[in-house]
Amino acid sequence: QVQLVESGGGLVQAGGSLRLSCAASGSIGSISAAGWYRQAPGKQRELVATITSSGRTNYADSVKGRFTISEDNAKNTVYLQMNSLKPEDTAVYYCAADRWGYNGAYYWGQGTQVTVSS
């Protein structure tokens, strides 16, 4: 079993920055990849960024050049550094992790609210 806990969300002005953290505990060795999703009310859930166990990253076009996903293996933590935030980035952000032998996200965090004001 893996537990994921997000933190770092909040309210910022457009152009500001936030760093989200996702702390994992439990059977860390079962995780093959991790990522961040976001969802605004009434909108489809969007995959924002992913990182594999080998460090390969991928980003949605809407956040390329502004967001950076990284990992600290010593702390079992994945981060999402968000710079140059825009109002359209407002959403609940969820940390998720894939498990070896499964396709797609298997473990999910509880979500953290990010609100960007105009």
C-alpha atoms as a PDB file:
ATOM      1  CA  GLN A   1       0.000   0.000   0.000  1.00  0.00           C
ATOM      2  CA  VAL A   2       1.104   3.560  -0.790  1.00  0.00           C
ATOM      3  CA  GLN A   3      -0.186   6.771   0.728  1.00  0.00           C
ATOM      4  CA  LEU A   4       0.257  10.132  -0.988  1.00  0.00           C
ATOM      5  CA  VAL A   5      -0.143  13.448   0.798  1.00  0.00           C
ATOM      6  CA  GLU A   6      -0.060  16.755  -1.079  1.00  0.00           C
ATOM      7  CA  SER A   7       0.812  20.108   0.403  1.00  0.00           C
ATOM      8  CA  GLY A   8       1.779  23.577  -0.738  1.00  0.00           C
ATOM      9  CA  GLY A   9      -1.411  24.784  -2.356  1.00  0.00           C
ATOM     10  CA  GLY A  10      -2.783  28.222  -1.700  1.00  0.00           C
ATOM     11  CA  LEU A  11      -3.799  31.556  -3.140  1.00  0.00           C
ATOM     12  CA  VAL A  12      -1.402  33.556  -5.284  1.00  0.00           C
ATOM     13  CA  GLN A  13      -1.579  36.432  -7.703  1.00  0.00           C
ATOM     14  CA  ALA A  14      -1.044  35.962 -11.404  1.00  0.00           C
ATOM     15  CA  GLY A  15       2.657  35.802 -12.137  1.00  0.00           C
ATOM     16  CA  GLY A  16       3.455  34.302  -8.764  1.00  0.00           C
ATOM     17  CA  SER A  17       4.878  30.921  -7.838  1.00  0.00           C
ATOM     18  CA  LEU A  18       3.991  27.922  -5.719  1.00  0.00           C
ATOM     19  CA  ARG A  19       5.703  24.644  -5.010  1.00  0.00           C
ATOM     20  CA  LEU A  20       3.534  21.612  -4.425  1.00  0.00           C
ATOM     21  CA  SER A  21       4.873  18.621  -2.536  1.00  0.00           C
ATOM     22  CA  CYS A  22       3.715  15.032  -2.613  1.00  0.00           C
ATOM     23  CA  ALA A  23       5.052  12.855   0.168  1.00  0.00           C
ATOM     24  CA  ALA A  24       4.787   9.115  -0.360  1.00  0.00           C
ATOM     25  CA  SER A  25       4.834   6.457   2.299  1.00  0.00           C
ATOM     26  CA  GLY A  26       4.310   2.726   2.416  1.00  0.00           C
ATOM     27  CA  SER A  27       5.511   0.405  -0.330  1.00  0.00           C
ATOM     28  CA  ILE A  28       7.600   2.950  -2.194  1.00  0.00           C
ATOM     29  CA  GLY A  29       9.269   0.267  -4.270  1.00  0.00           C
ATOM     30  CA  SER A  30       5.975  -0.510  -5.973  1.00  0.00           C
ATOM     31  CA  ILE A  31       5.843   2.927  -7.622  1.00  0.00           C
ATOM     32  CA  SER A  32       6.911   3.056 -11.256  1.00  0.00           C
ATOM     33  CA  ALA A  33       6.090   6.695 -11.969  1.00  0.00           C
ATOM     34  CA  ALA A  34       4.435   9.723 -10.438  1.00  0.00           C
ATOM     35  CA  GLY A  35       2.598  12.729 -11.706  1.00  0.00           C
ATOM     36  CA  TRP A  36       0.364  15.664 -11.065  1.00  0.00           C
ATOM     37  CA  TYR A  37      -3.196  16.106 -12.294  1.00  0.00           C
ATOM     38  CA  ARG A  38      -5.486  19.062 -11.931  1.00  0.00           C
ATOM     39  CA  GLN A  39      -9.214  19.563 -12.163  1.00  0.00           C
ATOM     40  CA  ALA A  40     -11.328  22.681 -12.056  1.00  0.00           C
ATOM     41  CA  PRO A  41     -15.072  22.529 -11.298  1.00  0.00           C
ATOM     42  CA  GLY A  42     -17.015  21.515 -14.371  1.00  0.00           C
ATOM     43  CA  LYS A  43     -13.865  20.738 -16.330  1.00  0.00           C
ATOM     44  CA  GLN A  44     -12.169  17.537 -17.350  1.00  0.00           C
ATOM     45  CA  ARG A  45      -9.278  16.279 -15.266  1.00  0.00           C
ATOM     46  CA  GLU A  46      -5.973  17.125 -16.907  1.00  0.00           C
ATOM     47  CA  LEU A  47      -2.607  15.437 -16.626  1.00  0.00           C
ATOM     48  CA  VAL A  48      -0.112  18.199 -15.884  1.00  0.00           C
ATOM     49  CA  ALA A  49       3.257  16.504 -15.507  1.00  0.00           C
ATOM     50  CA  THR A  50       4.804  13.076 -15.024  1.00  0.00           C
ATOM     51  CA  ILE A  51       8.125  11.692 -13.905  1.00  0.00           C
ATOM     52  CA  THR A  52       9.332   8.113 -14.170  1.00  0.00           C
ATOM     53  CA  SER A  53      11.579   6.225 -11.802  1.00  0.00           C
ATOM     54  CA  SER A  54      14.435   6.906 -14.222  1.00  0.00           C
ATOM     55  CA  GLY A  55      13.798  10.645 -14.108  1.00  0.00           C
ATOM     56  CA  ARG A  56      12.116  11.101 -17.478  1.00  0.00           C
ATOM     57  CA  THR A  57       9.615  13.952 -17.411  1.00  0.00           C
ATOM     58  CA  ASN A  58       6.696  15.025 -19.532  1.00  0.00           C
ATOM     59  CA  TYR A  59       4.466  18.094 -19.406  1.00  0.00           C
ATOM     60  CA  ALA A  60       1.166  19.268 -20.745  1.00  0.00           C
ATOM     61  CA  ASP A  61       1.625  21.914 -23.417  1.00  0.00           C
ATOM     62  CA  SER A  62      -0.235  24.418 -21.272  1.00  0.00           C
ATOM     63  CA  VAL A  63       2.441  24.348 -18.556  1.00  0.00           C
ATOM     64  CA  LYS A  64       5.657  23.756 -20.502  1.00  0.00           C
ATOM     65  CA  GLY A  65       8.302  26.282 -19.600  1.00  0.00           C
ATOM     66  CA  ARG A  66       6.466  27.291 -16.435  1.00  0.00           C
ATOM     67  CA  PHE A  67       6.147  24.116 -14.341  1.00  0.00           C
ATOM     68  CA  THR A  68       8.863  21.693 -13.299  1.00  0.00           C
ATOM     69  CA  ILE A  69       8.344  18.260 -11.790  1.00  0.00           C
ATOM     70  CA  SER A  70      11.139  16.770  -9.715  1.00  0.00           C
ATOM     71  CA  GLU A  71      11.749  14.105  -7.120  1.00  0.00           C
ATOM     72  CA  ASP A  72      13.783  13.716  -3.959  1.00  0.00           C
ATOM     73  CA  ASN A  73      14.240  10.004  -3.424  1.00  0.00           C
ATOM     74  CA  ALA A  74      15.774  10.474   0.017  1.00  0.00           C
ATOM     75  CA  LYS A  75      12.549  12.106   1.164  1.00  0.00           C
ATOM     76  CA  ASN A  76      10.195   9.982  -0.967  1.00  0.00           C
ATOM     77  CA  THR A  77       8.755  13.214  -2.266  1.00  0.00           C
ATOM     78  CA  VAL A  78       7.731  14.553  -5.667  1.00  0.00           C
ATOM     79  CA  TYR A  79       7.490  18.276  -6.273  1.00  0.00           C
ATOM     80  CA  LEU A  80       5.749  20.500  -8.754  1.00  0.00           C
ATOM     81  CA  GLN A  81       7.340  23.922  -9.023  1.00  0.00           C
ATOM     82  CA  MET A  82       4.837  26.291 -10.607  1.00  0.00           C
ATOM     83  CA  ASN A  83       6.080  29.626 -11.897  1.00  0.00           C
ATOM     84  CA  SER A  84       4.421  32.412 -13.850  1.00  0.00           C
ATOM     85  CA  LEU A  85       1.034  31.249 -12.647  1.00  0.00           C
ATOM     86  CA  LYS A  86      -2.053  32.222 -14.586  1.00  0.00           C
ATOM     87  CA  PRO A  87      -5.707  32.359 -13.515  1.00  0.00           C
ATOM     88  CA  GLU A  88      -6.385  29.390 -15.775  1.00  0.00           C
ATOM     89  CA  ASP A  89      -4.064  27.329 -13.569  1.00  0.00           C
ATOM     90  CA  THR A  90      -6.667  27.504 -10.810  1.00  0.00           C
ATOM     91  CA  ALA A  91      -7.715  23.966  -9.917  1.00  0.00           C
ATOM     92  CA  VAL A  92      -7.444  21.212  -7.380  1.00  0.00           C
ATOM     93  CA  TYR A  93      -4.087  19.552  -7.934  1.00  0.00           C
ATOM     94  CA  TYR A  94      -3.726  15.845  -7.279  1.00  0.00           C
ATOM     95  CA  CYS A  95      -0.599  13.798  -6.882  1.00  0.00           C
ATOM     96  CA  ALA A  96      -0.801  10.318  -8.359  1.00  0.00           C
ATOM     97  CA  ALA A  97       1.502   7.353  -8.741  1.00  0.00           C
ATOM     98  CA  ASP A  98       1.629   4.376 -11.052  1.00  0.00           C
ATOM     99  CA  ARG A  99       2.315   0.875  -9.791  1.00  0.00           C
ATOM    100  CA  TRP A 100       4.481  -1.674 -11.540  1.00  0.00           C
ATOM    101  CA  GLY A 101       2.219  -3.943 -13.552  1.00  0.00           C
ATOM    102  CA  TYR A 102      -0.589  -1.402 -13.938  1.00  0.00           C
ATOM    103  CA  ASN A 103      -1.327   1.163 -16.611  1.00  0.00           C
ATOM    104  CA  GLY A 104      -2.132   4.661 -15.467  1.00  0.00           C
ATOM    105  CA  ALA A 105      -2.472   6.147 -12.015  1.00  0.00           C
ATOM    106  CA  TYR A 106      -3.142   3.698  -9.222  1.00  0.00           C
ATOM    107  CA  TYR A 107      -2.494   5.689  -6.043  1.00  0.00           C
ATOM    108  CA  TRP A 108      -3.999   9.121  -5.451  1.00  0.00           C
ATOM    109  CA  GLY A 109      -3.530  11.905  -2.969  1.00  0.00           C
ATOM    110  CA  GLN A 110      -6.365  13.925  -1.468  1.00  0.00           C
ATOM    111  CA  GLY A 111      -5.741  17.021  -3.561  1.00  0.00           C
ATOM    112  CA  THR A 112      -4.663  20.549  -2.770  1.00  0.00           C
ATOM    113  CA  GLN A 113      -6.344  23.736  -3.965  1.00  0.00           C
ATOM    114  CA  VAL A 114      -4.414  26.217  -6.075  1.00  0.00           C
ATOM    115  CA  THR A 115      -6.107  29.531  -6.747  1.00  0.00           C
ATOM    116  CA  VAL A 116      -4.551  32.193  -8.953  1.00  0.00           C
ATOM    117  CA  SER A 117      -6.139  35.624  -8.872  1.00  0.00           C
ATOM    118  CA  SER A 118      -6.147  38.065 -11.777  1.00  0.00           C
END
